[in-house]
Amino acid sequence: MKYLDLTREISNDSRPFPGDPPVNLTPEAVIERDGFLVRNLSFSSHQGTHIDAPAHVMPGAMVLNDFPLEIFAGPARVLKLGRMGPRTAITREMLEAFDPEFRGCERMLFSAQWDGDFFEDAPFFTPAAARWLVGHAELLMLGFDWPSPDEYGDEDLTIHRIFLSKGLIFVENLTNLEKLPARFTLSAFPLSLKDAEAAPVRAVASWN
């Protein structure tokens, strides 16, 4: 069995999404003074590789612990979209070209490479593409190696709302997707946080 870590490491050097609190991993006890090491972990629930729940954008909606565990692990596929220019829109027409890959697919990851800033110039889904995706009733989870399904600066979080209003959860900020085979098993369990609208995950792919 082969394993591939799809998770971005969180460190004090990790960039938060613009406007989110910074990462602060502070030693509270150190071996030299206390005989053991303890750190205080301070960062957004949306830092690094994490999964969003409907409660992120809709009051009273489902939180992560409302979802059955089996959603977070199982057969998955990856679409490798190739190199893109800054702020490339992923359209319905682009996705329709891969329609056979979506048939019977419960978990789909999207791999992209793009020029420019990691946040401001990342690709994004158009509303038509998002509605096409939620039309695939078998889909349980999406994932992508960029920071948000929305175009940078969309304060309405239009694409978040299209996905999450249908209960289609997604993992943001994955990595190493370009190294995946077409089909594999994905495990992406969120931390068990009370009333979590989002939580970091350790995302791992495995295949024979």
N, C-alpha and C. Protein backbone atom coordinates (compact mmCIF):
# COMPACT_ATOMS: atom_id res chain seq x y z
N MET A 1 0.84 -1.20 0.00
CA MET A 1 0.00 0.00 0.00
C MET A 1 0.87 1.24 0.00
N LYS A 2 0.54 2.20 -0.85
CA LYS A 2 1.25 3.47 -0.89
C LYS A 2 0.40 4.55 -0.22
N TYR A 3 1.08 5.47 0.47
CA TYR A 3 0.40 6.56 1.16
C TYR A 3 1.01 7.89 0.72
N LEU A 4 0.15 8.91 0.61
CA LEU A 4 0.60 10.24 0.25
C LEU A 4 -0.10 11.26 1.13
N ASP A 5 0.67 12.08 1.82
CA ASP A 5 0.11 13.13 2.67
C ASP A 5 -0.34 14.28 1.79
N LEU A 6 -1.59 14.69 1.93
CA LEU A 6 -2.16 15.78 1.13
C LEU A 6 -2.36 17.04 1.97
N THR A 7 -1.72 17.07 3.15
CA THR A 7 -1.96 18.11 4.15
C THR A 7 -0.84 19.13 4.17
N ARG A 8 -1.18 20.39 4.25
CA ARG A 8 -0.18 21.44 4.41
C ARG A 8 0.19 21.57 5.90
N GLU A 9 1.47 21.56 6.17
CA GLU A 9 1.94 21.70 7.55
C GLU A 9 1.61 23.09 8.08
N ILE A 10 1.20 23.16 9.34
CA ILE A 10 0.92 24.44 10.01
C ILE A 10 2.12 24.81 10.87
N SER A 11 2.65 26.00 10.64
CA SER A 11 3.78 26.50 11.42
C SER A 11 3.61 28.00 11.61
N ASN A 12 4.48 28.60 12.39
CA ASN A 12 4.42 30.05 12.58
C ASN A 12 4.68 30.81 11.29
N ASP A 13 5.23 30.13 10.29
CA ASP A 13 5.48 30.76 9.00
C ASP A 13 4.31 30.61 8.03
N SER A 14 3.27 29.87 8.43
CA SER A 14 2.12 29.65 7.54
C SER A 14 1.35 30.95 7.33
N ARG A 15 1.01 31.23 6.08
CA ARG A 15 0.21 32.42 5.78
C ARG A 15 -1.26 32.15 6.07
N PRO A 16 -1.92 32.98 6.86
CA PRO A 16 -3.38 32.85 7.00
C PRO A 16 -4.07 33.49 5.81
N PHE A 17 -5.32 33.08 5.57
CA PHE A 17 -6.11 33.76 4.56
C PHE A 17 -6.22 35.23 4.97
N PRO A 18 -6.08 36.16 4.02
CA PRO A 18 -6.12 37.59 4.38
C PRO A 18 -7.35 37.94 5.22
N GLY A 19 -7.10 38.53 6.38
CA GLY A 19 -8.16 38.89 7.31
C GLY A 19 -8.32 37.91 8.44
N ASP A 20 -7.81 36.68 8.30
CA ASP A 20 -7.88 35.69 9.37
C ASP A 20 -6.75 35.94 10.37
N PRO A 21 -6.90 35.43 11.60
CA PRO A 21 -5.84 35.63 12.60
C PRO A 21 -4.58 34.89 12.21
N PRO A 22 -3.42 35.38 12.68
CA PRO A 22 -2.16 34.71 12.35
C PRO A 22 -1.99 33.41 13.11
N VAL A 23 -1.08 32.58 12.63
CA VAL A 23 -0.71 31.36 13.33
C VAL A 23 0.28 31.72 14.43
N ASN A 24 0.02 31.17 15.62
CA ASN A 24 0.91 31.43 16.76
C ASN A 24 1.05 30.15 17.57
N LEU A 25 2.16 29.45 17.38
CA LEU A 25 2.45 28.22 18.12
C LEU A 25 3.47 28.58 19.19
N THR A 26 2.99 28.78 20.41
CA THR A 26 3.80 29.35 21.47
C THR A 26 4.16 28.30 22.52
N PRO A 27 5.44 28.13 22.86
CA PRO A 27 5.80 27.22 23.95
C PRO A 27 5.28 27.74 25.29
N GLU A 28 4.55 26.90 26.01
CA GLU A 28 4.08 27.23 27.35
C GLU A 28 4.94 26.54 28.41
N ALA A 29 5.53 25.42 28.03
CA ALA A 29 6.50 24.73 28.87
C ALA A 29 7.61 24.22 27.98
N VAL A 30 8.84 24.27 28.47
CA VAL A 30 9.98 23.83 27.69
C VAL A 30 10.78 22.81 28.49
N ILE A 31 11.41 21.89 27.77
CA ILE A 31 12.11 20.79 28.44
C ILE A 31 13.22 21.32 29.34
N GLU A 32 13.96 22.33 28.89
CA GLU A 32 15.08 22.84 29.67
C GLU A 32 14.66 23.39 31.02
N ARG A 33 13.47 23.98 31.09
CA ARG A 33 12.99 24.59 32.33
C ARG A 33 12.02 23.70 33.10
N ASP A 34 11.12 23.02 32.33
CA ASP A 34 10.02 22.31 32.98
C ASP A 34 10.13 20.80 32.91
N GLY A 35 11.03 20.30 32.07
CA GLY A 35 11.17 18.86 31.93
C GLY A 35 10.25 18.25 30.90
N PHE A 36 9.42 19.05 30.26
CA PHE A 36 8.50 18.58 29.22
C PHE A 36 8.16 19.76 28.32
N LEU A 37 7.61 19.44 27.15
CA LEU A 37 7.26 20.48 26.17
C LEU A 37 5.75 20.53 25.99
N VAL A 38 5.19 21.73 26.10
CA VAL A 38 3.77 21.98 25.84
C VAL A 38 3.68 23.27 25.04
N ARG A 39 2.86 23.26 23.98
CA ARG A 39 2.68 24.47 23.18
C ARG A 39 1.22 24.91 23.17
N ASN A 40 1.02 26.19 23.13
CA ASN A 40 -0.30 26.78 22.94
C ASN A 40 -0.49 26.98 21.44
N LEU A 41 -1.56 26.40 20.89
CA LEU A 41 -1.82 26.47 19.45
C LEU A 41 -2.91 27.50 19.19
N SER A 42 -2.57 28.52 18.44
CA SER A 42 -3.54 29.57 18.13
C SER A 42 -3.57 29.82 16.63
N PHE A 43 -4.70 29.49 16.00
CA PHE A 43 -4.89 29.78 14.58
C PHE A 43 -6.37 29.61 14.24
N SER A 44 -6.75 30.11 13.09
CA SER A 44 -8.13 30.04 12.64
C SER A 44 -8.55 28.59 12.38
N SER A 45 -9.83 28.32 12.55
CA SER A 45 -10.37 27.01 12.19
C SER A 45 -10.31 26.77 10.70
N HIS A 46 -9.98 27.81 9.92
CA HIS A 46 -9.84 27.70 8.47
C HIS A 46 -8.38 27.77 8.02
N GLN A 47 -7.46 27.52 8.94
CA GLN A 47 -6.04 27.57 8.60
C GLN A 47 -5.60 26.29 7.92
N GLY A 48 -4.73 26.42 6.94
CA GLY A 48 -4.13 25.25 6.32
C GLY A 48 -5.16 24.37 5.63
N THR A 49 -4.89 23.08 5.61
CA THR A 49 -5.81 22.11 5.01
C THR A 49 -6.97 21.87 5.97
N HIS A 50 -8.16 22.26 5.55
CA HIS A 50 -9.31 22.19 6.46
C HIS A 50 -10.58 21.92 5.65
N ILE A 51 -11.62 21.56 6.38
CA ILE A 51 -12.90 21.24 5.74
C ILE A 51 -13.98 22.19 6.25
N ASP A 52 -14.83 22.66 5.34
CA ASP A 52 -15.91 23.58 5.68
C ASP A 52 -17.24 22.83 5.80
N ALA A 53 -18.03 23.25 6.76
CA ALA A 53 -19.38 22.72 6.96
C ALA A 53 -20.41 23.79 6.61
N PRO A 54 -21.67 23.42 6.39
CA PRO A 54 -22.69 24.42 6.05
C PRO A 54 -22.81 25.55 7.06
N ALA A 55 -22.54 25.29 8.35
CA ALA A 55 -22.65 26.33 9.37
C ALA A 55 -21.68 27.48 9.14
N HIS A 56 -20.71 27.28 8.28
CA HIS A 56 -19.75 28.35 7.95
C HIS A 56 -20.44 29.55 7.33
N VAL A 57 -21.51 29.32 6.57
CA VAL A 57 -22.15 30.43 5.86
C VAL A 57 -23.65 30.53 6.12
N MET A 58 -24.22 29.58 6.90
CA MET A 58 -25.67 29.59 7.13
C MET A 58 -25.95 29.36 8.62
N PRO A 59 -26.58 30.31 9.28
CA PRO A 59 -26.88 30.15 10.71
C PRO A 59 -27.75 28.92 10.96
N GLY A 60 -27.40 28.15 11.98
CA GLY A 60 -28.20 26.99 12.36
C GLY A 60 -28.04 25.78 11.47
N ALA A 61 -27.16 25.86 10.48
CA ALA A 61 -26.96 24.74 9.56
C ALA A 61 -26.05 23.68 10.19
N MET A 62 -25.83 22.59 9.46
CA MET A 62 -25.07 21.46 9.98
C MET A 62 -23.62 21.86 10.28
N VAL A 63 -23.12 21.35 11.41
CA VAL A 63 -21.71 21.48 11.75
C VAL A 63 -21.02 20.15 11.42
N LEU A 64 -19.71 20.11 11.51
CA LEU A 64 -18.98 18.93 11.05
C LEU A 64 -19.36 17.67 11.80
N ASN A 65 -19.60 17.77 13.10
CA ASN A 65 -19.94 16.57 13.86
C ASN A 65 -21.35 16.06 13.58
N ASP A 66 -22.12 16.80 12.78
CA ASP A 66 -23.43 16.30 12.35
C ASP A 66 -23.31 15.31 11.20
N PHE A 67 -22.17 15.27 10.55
CA PHE A 67 -21.99 14.39 9.39
C PHE A 67 -21.50 13.02 9.83
N PRO A 68 -21.98 11.95 9.21
CA PRO A 68 -21.47 10.61 9.55
C PRO A 68 -20.01 10.47 9.14
N LEU A 69 -19.26 9.72 9.92
CA LEU A 69 -17.82 9.60 9.70
C LEU A 69 -17.48 9.03 8.33
N GLU A 70 -18.36 8.17 7.80
CA GLU A 70 -18.03 7.52 6.53
C GLU A 70 -17.93 8.49 5.37
N ILE A 71 -18.48 9.69 5.50
CA ILE A 71 -18.34 10.68 4.44
C ILE A 71 -16.88 11.10 4.28
N PHE A 72 -16.14 11.10 5.36
CA PHE A 72 -14.79 11.66 5.36
C PHE A 72 -13.72 10.68 4.86
N ALA A 73 -14.10 9.48 4.50
CA ALA A 73 -13.12 8.50 4.01
C ALA A 73 -13.79 7.57 3.02
N GLY A 74 -13.06 7.24 1.95
CA GLY A 74 -13.59 6.31 0.97
C GLY A 74 -12.99 6.54 -0.40
N PRO A 75 -13.53 5.88 -1.42
CA PRO A 75 -12.99 6.00 -2.78
C PRO A 75 -13.04 7.44 -3.28
N ALA A 76 -11.98 7.85 -3.97
CA ALA A 76 -11.89 9.23 -4.47
C ALA A 76 -11.20 9.23 -5.83
N ARG A 77 -11.36 10.35 -6.52
CA ARG A 77 -10.73 10.56 -7.82
C ARG A 77 -10.12 11.96 -7.85
N VAL A 78 -9.23 12.19 -8.80
CA VAL A 78 -8.62 13.51 -8.94
C VAL A 78 -8.69 13.95 -10.39
N LEU A 79 -8.99 15.22 -10.58
CA LEU A 79 -8.93 15.85 -11.90
C LEU A 79 -7.72 16.78 -11.91
N LYS A 80 -6.79 16.56 -12.82
CA LYS A 80 -5.60 17.39 -12.92
C LYS A 80 -5.84 18.41 -14.03
N LEU A 81 -6.04 19.65 -13.61
CA LEU A 81 -6.49 20.70 -14.52
C LEU A 81 -5.35 21.38 -15.26
N GLY A 82 -4.09 21.10 -14.87
CA GLY A 82 -2.96 21.68 -15.57
C GLY A 82 -2.66 23.10 -15.11
N ARG A 83 -1.64 23.70 -15.73
CA ARG A 83 -1.22 25.04 -15.33
C ARG A 83 -2.20 26.08 -15.84
N MET A 84 -2.49 27.06 -14.95
CA MET A 84 -3.45 28.11 -15.25
C MET A 84 -2.81 29.47 -15.05
N GLY A 85 -3.38 30.46 -15.69
CA GLY A 85 -2.97 31.83 -15.44
C GLY A 85 -3.58 32.33 -14.15
N PRO A 86 -3.25 33.55 -13.74
CA PRO A 86 -3.82 34.11 -12.52
C PRO A 86 -5.35 34.22 -12.60
N ARG A 87 -6.01 33.84 -11.52
CA ARG A 87 -7.46 34.01 -11.36
C ARG A 87 -8.23 33.36 -12.50
N THR A 88 -7.90 32.13 -12.81
CA THR A 88 -8.60 31.41 -13.87
C THR A 88 -9.95 30.90 -13.37
N ALA A 89 -10.99 31.15 -14.12
CA ALA A 89 -12.33 30.66 -13.79
C ALA A 89 -12.48 29.22 -14.28
N ILE A 90 -12.91 28.34 -13.38
CA ILE A 90 -13.22 26.96 -13.75
C ILE A 90 -14.70 26.93 -14.11
N THR A 91 -15.00 26.73 -15.37
CA THR A 91 -16.36 26.87 -15.88
C THR A 91 -17.07 25.53 -15.98
N ARG A 92 -18.36 25.62 -16.18
CA ARG A 92 -19.14 24.41 -16.39
C ARG A 92 -18.65 23.65 -17.62
N GLU A 93 -18.32 24.38 -18.66
CA GLU A 93 -17.86 23.74 -19.89
C GLU A 93 -16.57 22.96 -19.66
N MET A 94 -15.67 23.50 -18.85
CA MET A 94 -14.44 22.80 -18.52
C MET A 94 -14.74 21.49 -17.79
N LEU A 95 -15.68 21.53 -16.86
CA LEU A 95 -16.01 20.33 -16.09
C LEU A 95 -16.76 19.30 -16.93
N GLU A 96 -17.62 19.78 -17.81
CA GLU A 96 -18.39 18.85 -18.64
C GLU A 96 -17.47 17.98 -19.51
N ALA A 97 -16.28 18.48 -19.81
CA ALA A 97 -15.33 17.69 -20.60
C ALA A 97 -14.87 16.44 -19.83
N PHE A 98 -15.02 16.49 -18.50
CA PHE A 98 -14.64 15.37 -17.66
C PHE A 98 -15.84 14.60 -17.13
N ASP A 99 -16.99 14.79 -17.75
CA ASP A 99 -18.22 14.21 -17.22
C ASP A 99 -18.13 12.72 -16.88
N PRO A 100 -17.49 11.88 -17.69
CA PRO A 100 -17.42 10.46 -17.33
C PRO A 100 -16.73 10.21 -15.98
N GLU A 101 -15.80 11.07 -15.61
CA GLU A 101 -15.09 10.89 -14.35
C GLU A 101 -15.98 11.14 -13.14
N PHE A 102 -17.04 11.87 -13.32
CA PHE A 102 -17.94 12.19 -12.21
C PHE A 102 -19.00 11.11 -11.98
N ARG A 103 -19.19 10.23 -12.93
CA ARG A 103 -20.23 9.20 -12.80
C ARG A 103 -19.84 8.21 -11.71
N GLY A 104 -20.68 8.10 -10.70
CA GLY A 104 -20.42 7.19 -9.60
C GLY A 104 -19.36 7.68 -8.63
N CYS A 105 -18.94 8.93 -8.76
CA CYS A 105 -17.86 9.46 -7.92
C CYS A 105 -18.43 10.12 -6.67
N GLU A 106 -17.94 9.71 -5.50
CA GLU A 106 -18.39 10.27 -4.23
C GLU A 106 -17.48 11.39 -3.72
N ARG A 107 -16.20 11.31 -4.07
CA ARG A 107 -15.22 12.31 -3.59
C ARG A 107 -14.32 12.69 -4.76
N MET A 108 -14.35 13.97 -5.13
CA MET A 108 -13.56 14.44 -6.26
C MET A 108 -12.62 15.55 -5.79
N LEU A 109 -11.32 15.37 -6.09
CA LEU A 109 -10.32 16.39 -5.80
C LEU A 109 -9.88 17.06 -7.10
N PHE A 110 -9.54 18.33 -7.02
CA PHE A 110 -9.13 19.11 -8.18
C PHE A 110 -7.71 19.61 -7.96
N SER A 111 -6.85 19.29 -8.91
CA SER A 111 -5.45 19.70 -8.85
C SER A 111 -5.20 20.78 -9.88
N ALA A 112 -4.64 21.90 -9.43
CA ALA A 112 -4.35 23.01 -10.35
C ALA A 112 -2.99 23.62 -9.99
N GLN A 113 -2.38 24.21 -10.96
CA GLN A 113 -1.18 25.02 -10.77
C GLN A 113 -1.47 26.37 -11.40
N TRP A 114 -1.07 27.43 -10.72
CA TRP A 114 -1.39 28.74 -11.26
C TRP A 114 -0.25 29.71 -10.98
N ASP A 115 -0.19 30.73 -11.80
CA ASP A 115 0.83 31.76 -11.66
C ASP A 115 0.32 32.86 -10.73
N GLY A 116 1.23 33.42 -9.93
CA GLY A 116 0.88 34.55 -9.11
C GLY A 116 0.73 34.22 -7.64
N ASP A 117 0.09 35.12 -6.90
CA ASP A 117 -0.08 35.00 -5.46
C ASP A 117 -0.96 33.81 -5.11
N PHE A 118 -0.61 33.12 -4.01
CA PHE A 118 -1.34 31.91 -3.62
C PHE A 118 -2.81 32.20 -3.34
N PHE A 119 -3.11 33.33 -2.73
CA PHE A 119 -4.49 33.66 -2.40
C PHE A 119 -5.16 34.48 -3.51
N GLU A 120 -4.60 35.62 -3.84
CA GLU A 120 -5.27 36.55 -4.75
C GLU A 120 -5.43 36.01 -6.16
N ASP A 121 -4.50 35.18 -6.60
CA ASP A 121 -4.50 34.73 -8.00
C ASP A 121 -4.96 33.29 -8.17
N ALA A 122 -5.52 32.70 -7.12
CA ALA A 122 -5.95 31.30 -7.19
C ALA A 122 -7.13 31.13 -8.14
N PRO A 123 -7.28 29.93 -8.71
CA PRO A 123 -8.46 29.65 -9.54
C PRO A 123 -9.73 29.63 -8.70
N PHE A 124 -10.86 29.59 -9.37
CA PHE A 124 -12.15 29.58 -8.67
C PHE A 124 -13.21 28.99 -9.58
N PHE A 125 -14.30 28.52 -8.97
CA PHE A 125 -15.42 27.97 -9.73
C PHE A 125 -16.41 29.09 -10.07
N THR A 126 -16.98 29.02 -11.27
CA THR A 126 -18.08 29.92 -11.60
C THR A 126 -19.36 29.38 -10.98
N PRO A 127 -20.38 30.23 -10.80
CA PRO A 127 -21.65 29.72 -10.28
C PRO A 127 -22.24 28.60 -11.12
N ALA A 128 -22.12 28.69 -12.43
CA ALA A 128 -22.67 27.63 -13.29
C ALA A 128 -21.92 26.31 -13.05
N ALA A 129 -20.61 26.39 -12.88
CA ALA A 129 -19.84 25.18 -12.60
C ALA A 129 -20.23 24.59 -11.25
N ALA A 130 -20.43 25.45 -10.26
CA ALA A 130 -20.82 24.97 -8.93
C ALA A 130 -22.19 24.30 -8.97
N ARG A 131 -23.13 24.88 -9.69
CA ARG A 131 -24.46 24.27 -9.79
C ARG A 131 -24.39 22.95 -10.54
N TRP A 132 -23.50 22.85 -11.52
CA TRP A 132 -23.33 21.58 -12.23
C TRP A 132 -22.80 20.51 -11.29
N LEU A 133 -21.89 20.88 -10.42
CA LEU A 133 -21.32 19.92 -9.47
C LEU A 133 -22.37 19.45 -8.46
N VAL A 134 -23.16 20.35 -7.90
CA VAL A 134 -24.15 19.92 -6.92
C VAL A 134 -25.27 19.11 -7.58
N GLY A 135 -25.36 19.18 -8.91
CA GLY A 135 -26.33 18.36 -9.61
C GLY A 135 -25.96 16.89 -9.63
N HIS A 136 -24.73 16.55 -9.25
CA HIS A 136 -24.29 15.15 -9.17
C HIS A 136 -24.59 14.65 -7.76
N ALA A 137 -25.74 14.03 -7.61
CA ALA A 137 -26.24 13.67 -6.29
C ALA A 137 -25.32 12.71 -5.55
N GLU A 138 -24.51 11.95 -6.28
CA GLU A 138 -23.64 10.97 -5.62
C GLU A 138 -22.44 11.62 -4.95
N LEU A 139 -22.11 12.86 -5.31
CA LEU A 139 -20.96 13.53 -4.72
C LEU A 139 -21.21 13.84 -3.25
N LEU A 140 -20.27 13.42 -2.40
CA LEU A 140 -20.34 13.68 -0.97
C LEU A 140 -19.35 14.76 -0.53
N MET A 141 -18.22 14.83 -1.23
CA MET A 141 -17.14 15.72 -0.81
C MET A 141 -16.33 16.16 -2.02
N LEU A 142 -15.91 17.43 -1.99
CA LEU A 142 -14.97 17.97 -2.96
C LEU A 142 -13.68 18.35 -2.23
N GLY A 143 -12.62 18.53 -2.99
CA GLY A 143 -11.37 19.03 -2.42
C GLY A 143 -10.56 19.68 -3.51
N PHE A 144 -9.71 20.64 -3.14
CA PHE A 144 -8.89 21.32 -4.13
C PHE A 144 -7.65 21.87 -3.45
N ASP A 145 -6.60 22.12 -4.26
CA ASP A 145 -5.33 22.57 -3.71
C ASP A 145 -5.17 24.08 -3.77
N TRP A 146 -6.28 24.80 -3.70
CA TRP A 146 -6.23 26.26 -3.60
C TRP A 146 -7.09 26.69 -2.42
N PRO A 147 -7.06 27.99 -2.05
CA PRO A 147 -7.61 28.40 -0.75
C PRO A 147 -9.12 28.49 -0.64
N SER A 148 -9.83 28.67 -1.75
CA SER A 148 -11.28 28.88 -1.66
C SER A 148 -11.93 28.54 -2.99
N PRO A 149 -13.17 28.03 -2.97
CA PRO A 149 -13.86 27.80 -4.24
C PRO A 149 -14.33 29.09 -4.89
N ASP A 150 -14.34 30.19 -4.11
CA ASP A 150 -14.81 31.48 -4.61
C ASP A 150 -13.66 32.31 -5.19
N GLU A 151 -14.01 33.19 -6.10
CA GLU A 151 -13.03 34.15 -6.60
C GLU A 151 -12.58 35.04 -5.44
N TYR A 152 -11.28 35.30 -5.39
CA TYR A 152 -10.75 36.15 -4.32
C TYR A 152 -11.48 37.50 -4.33
N GLY A 153 -11.93 37.92 -3.15
CA GLY A 153 -12.62 39.19 -3.03
C GLY A 153 -14.14 39.08 -3.05
N ASP A 154 -14.69 37.88 -3.34
CA ASP A 154 -16.15 37.70 -3.33
C ASP A 154 -16.61 37.59 -1.88
N GLU A 155 -17.02 38.72 -1.32
CA GLU A 155 -17.42 38.74 0.09
C GLU A 155 -18.73 38.02 0.34
N ASP A 156 -19.51 37.77 -0.70
CA ASP A 156 -20.77 37.04 -0.53
C ASP A 156 -20.55 35.53 -0.44
N LEU A 157 -19.34 35.06 -0.76
CA LEU A 157 -19.03 33.62 -0.72
C LEU A 157 -20.07 32.83 -1.52
N THR A 158 -20.30 33.28 -2.73
CA THR A 158 -21.35 32.71 -3.58
C THR A 158 -21.19 31.22 -3.78
N ILE A 159 -19.98 30.78 -4.08
CA ILE A 159 -19.76 29.36 -4.38
C ILE A 159 -19.83 28.53 -3.11
N HIS A 160 -19.31 29.05 -2.00
CA HIS A 160 -19.50 28.38 -0.71
C HIS A 160 -20.98 28.08 -0.49
N ARG A 161 -21.82 29.07 -0.74
CA ARG A 161 -23.25 28.92 -0.45
C ARG A 161 -23.91 27.91 -1.39
N ILE A 162 -23.49 27.89 -2.65
CA ILE A 162 -24.07 26.91 -3.58
C ILE A 162 -23.73 25.49 -3.12
N PHE A 163 -22.47 25.25 -2.79
CA PHE A 163 -22.07 23.92 -2.34
C PHE A 163 -22.71 23.56 -1.00
N LEU A 164 -22.54 24.42 -0.01
CA LEU A 164 -22.90 24.06 1.36
C LEU A 164 -24.42 24.05 1.57
N SER A 165 -25.16 24.82 0.79
CA SER A 165 -26.63 24.78 0.92
C SER A 165 -27.18 23.42 0.52
N LYS A 166 -26.42 22.67 -0.28
CA LYS A 166 -26.81 21.32 -0.69
C LYS A 166 -26.12 20.25 0.14
N GLY A 167 -25.40 20.67 1.20
CA GLY A 167 -24.72 19.71 2.05
C GLY A 167 -23.47 19.11 1.43
N LEU A 168 -22.94 19.75 0.37
CA LEU A 168 -21.73 19.26 -0.28
C LEU A 168 -20.53 19.93 0.39
N ILE A 169 -19.85 19.17 1.25
CA ILE A 169 -18.73 19.73 1.99
C ILE A 169 -17.46 19.64 1.16
N PHE A 170 -16.44 20.41 1.55
CA PHE A 170 -15.22 20.44 0.73
C PHE A 170 -14.01 20.75 1.60
N VAL A 171 -12.88 20.22 1.12
CA VAL A 171 -11.58 20.43 1.76
C VAL A 171 -10.80 21.46 0.95
N GLU A 172 -10.33 22.49 1.61
CA GLU A 172 -9.54 23.54 0.97
C GLU A 172 -8.06 23.36 1.31
N ASN A 173 -7.21 23.91 0.47
CA ASN A 173 -5.77 23.96 0.74
C ASN A 173 -5.10 22.59 0.82
N LEU A 174 -5.53 21.68 -0.03
CA LEU A 174 -4.81 20.41 -0.14
C LEU A 174 -3.48 20.64 -0.85
N THR A 175 -2.63 19.63 -0.82
CA THR A 175 -1.35 19.72 -1.54
C THR A 175 -0.97 18.34 -2.07
N ASN A 176 0.00 18.31 -2.97
CA ASN A 176 0.51 17.07 -3.56
C ASN A 176 -0.48 16.35 -4.48
N LEU A 177 -1.55 17.01 -4.87
CA LEU A 177 -2.56 16.33 -5.69
C LEU A 177 -2.02 15.94 -7.06
N GLU A 178 -1.03 16.67 -7.55
CA GLU A 178 -0.47 16.34 -8.85
C GLU A 178 0.27 15.00 -8.84
N LYS A 179 0.55 14.45 -7.65
CA LYS A 179 1.26 13.18 -7.52
C LYS A 179 0.32 11.98 -7.41
N LEU A 180 -0.97 12.24 -7.38
CA LEU A 180 -1.95 11.17 -7.17
C LEU A 180 -2.21 10.36 -8.44
N PRO A 181 -2.52 9.06 -8.26
CA PRO A 181 -3.10 8.32 -9.39
C PRO A 181 -4.53 8.78 -9.60
N ALA A 182 -5.14 8.36 -10.68
CA ALA A 182 -6.49 8.82 -11.01
C ALA A 182 -7.51 8.44 -9.94
N ARG A 183 -7.32 7.25 -9.34
CA ARG A 183 -8.26 6.76 -8.33
C ARG A 183 -7.48 6.25 -7.13
N PHE A 184 -8.05 6.46 -5.94
CA PHE A 184 -7.36 6.15 -4.69
C PHE A 184 -8.39 6.17 -3.56
N THR A 185 -7.94 5.94 -2.35
CA THR A 185 -8.79 6.07 -1.18
C THR A 185 -8.36 7.32 -0.42
N LEU A 186 -9.33 8.15 -0.08
CA LEU A 186 -9.07 9.39 0.65
C LEU A 186 -9.54 9.26 2.09
N SER A 187 -8.71 9.72 3.02
CA SER A 187 -9.11 9.89 4.42
C SER A 187 -8.87 11.35 4.78
N ALA A 188 -9.91 12.04 5.24
CA ALA A 188 -9.78 13.46 5.59
C ALA A 188 -10.72 13.75 6.76
N PHE A 189 -10.33 13.26 7.93
CA PHE A 189 -11.18 13.42 9.12
C PHE A 189 -10.87 14.75 9.81
N PRO A 190 -11.90 15.56 10.09
CA PRO A 190 -11.68 16.82 10.79
C PRO A 190 -11.48 16.59 12.28
N LEU A 191 -10.81 17.54 12.94
CA LEU A 191 -10.76 17.51 14.39
C LEU A 191 -12.18 17.55 14.95
N SER A 192 -12.39 16.86 16.05
CA SER A 192 -13.71 16.83 16.68
C SER A 192 -13.86 18.04 17.59
N LEU A 193 -14.30 19.15 17.00
CA LEU A 193 -14.51 20.39 17.74
C LEU A 193 -16.01 20.65 17.86
N LYS A 194 -16.45 21.05 19.02
CA LYS A 194 -17.88 21.30 19.24
C LYS A 194 -18.34 22.44 18.35
N ASP A 195 -19.47 22.22 17.68
CA ASP A 195 -20.11 23.23 16.83
C ASP A 195 -19.18 23.78 15.76
N ALA A 196 -18.37 22.90 15.18
CA ALA A 196 -17.34 23.34 14.22
C ALA A 196 -17.95 23.68 12.87
N GLU A 197 -17.80 24.93 12.46
CA GLU A 197 -18.16 25.35 11.11
C GLU A 197 -17.05 24.98 10.12
N ALA A 198 -15.86 24.69 10.69
CA ALA A 198 -14.70 24.24 9.91
C ALA A 198 -13.70 23.67 10.89
N ALA A 199 -12.76 22.87 10.38
CA ALA A 199 -11.72 22.32 11.24
C ALA A 199 -10.58 21.82 10.38
N PRO A 200 -9.35 21.89 10.89
CA PRO A 200 -8.23 21.27 10.17
C PRO A 200 -8.42 19.78 10.02
N VAL A 201 -7.87 19.24 8.94
CA VAL A 201 -7.91 17.79 8.70
C VAL A 201 -6.49 17.31 8.44
N ARG A 202 -6.27 16.03 8.65
CA ARG A 202 -5.08 15.35 8.13
C ARG A 202 -5.56 14.53 6.96
N ALA A 203 -5.30 15.02 5.77
CA ALA A 203 -5.77 14.36 4.55
C ALA A 203 -4.68 13.46 4.01
N VAL A 204 -5.04 12.19 3.78
CA VAL A 204 -4.08 11.19 3.32
C VAL A 204 -4.73 10.37 2.21
N ALA A 205 -3.99 10.12 1.12
CA ALA A 205 -4.43 9.24 0.06
C ALA A 205 -3.67 7.91 0.16
N SER A 206 -4.35 6.83 -0.19
CA SER A 206 -3.69 5.52 -0.20
C SER A 206 -4.17 4.74 -1.43
N TRP A 207 -3.28 3.90 -1.94
CA TRP A 207 -3.63 3.06 -3.10
C TRP A 207 -2.64 1.90 -3.18
N ASN A 208 -3.02 0.88 -3.90
CA ASN A 208 -2.14 -0.28 -4.07
C ASN A 208 -1.17 -0.05 -5.22
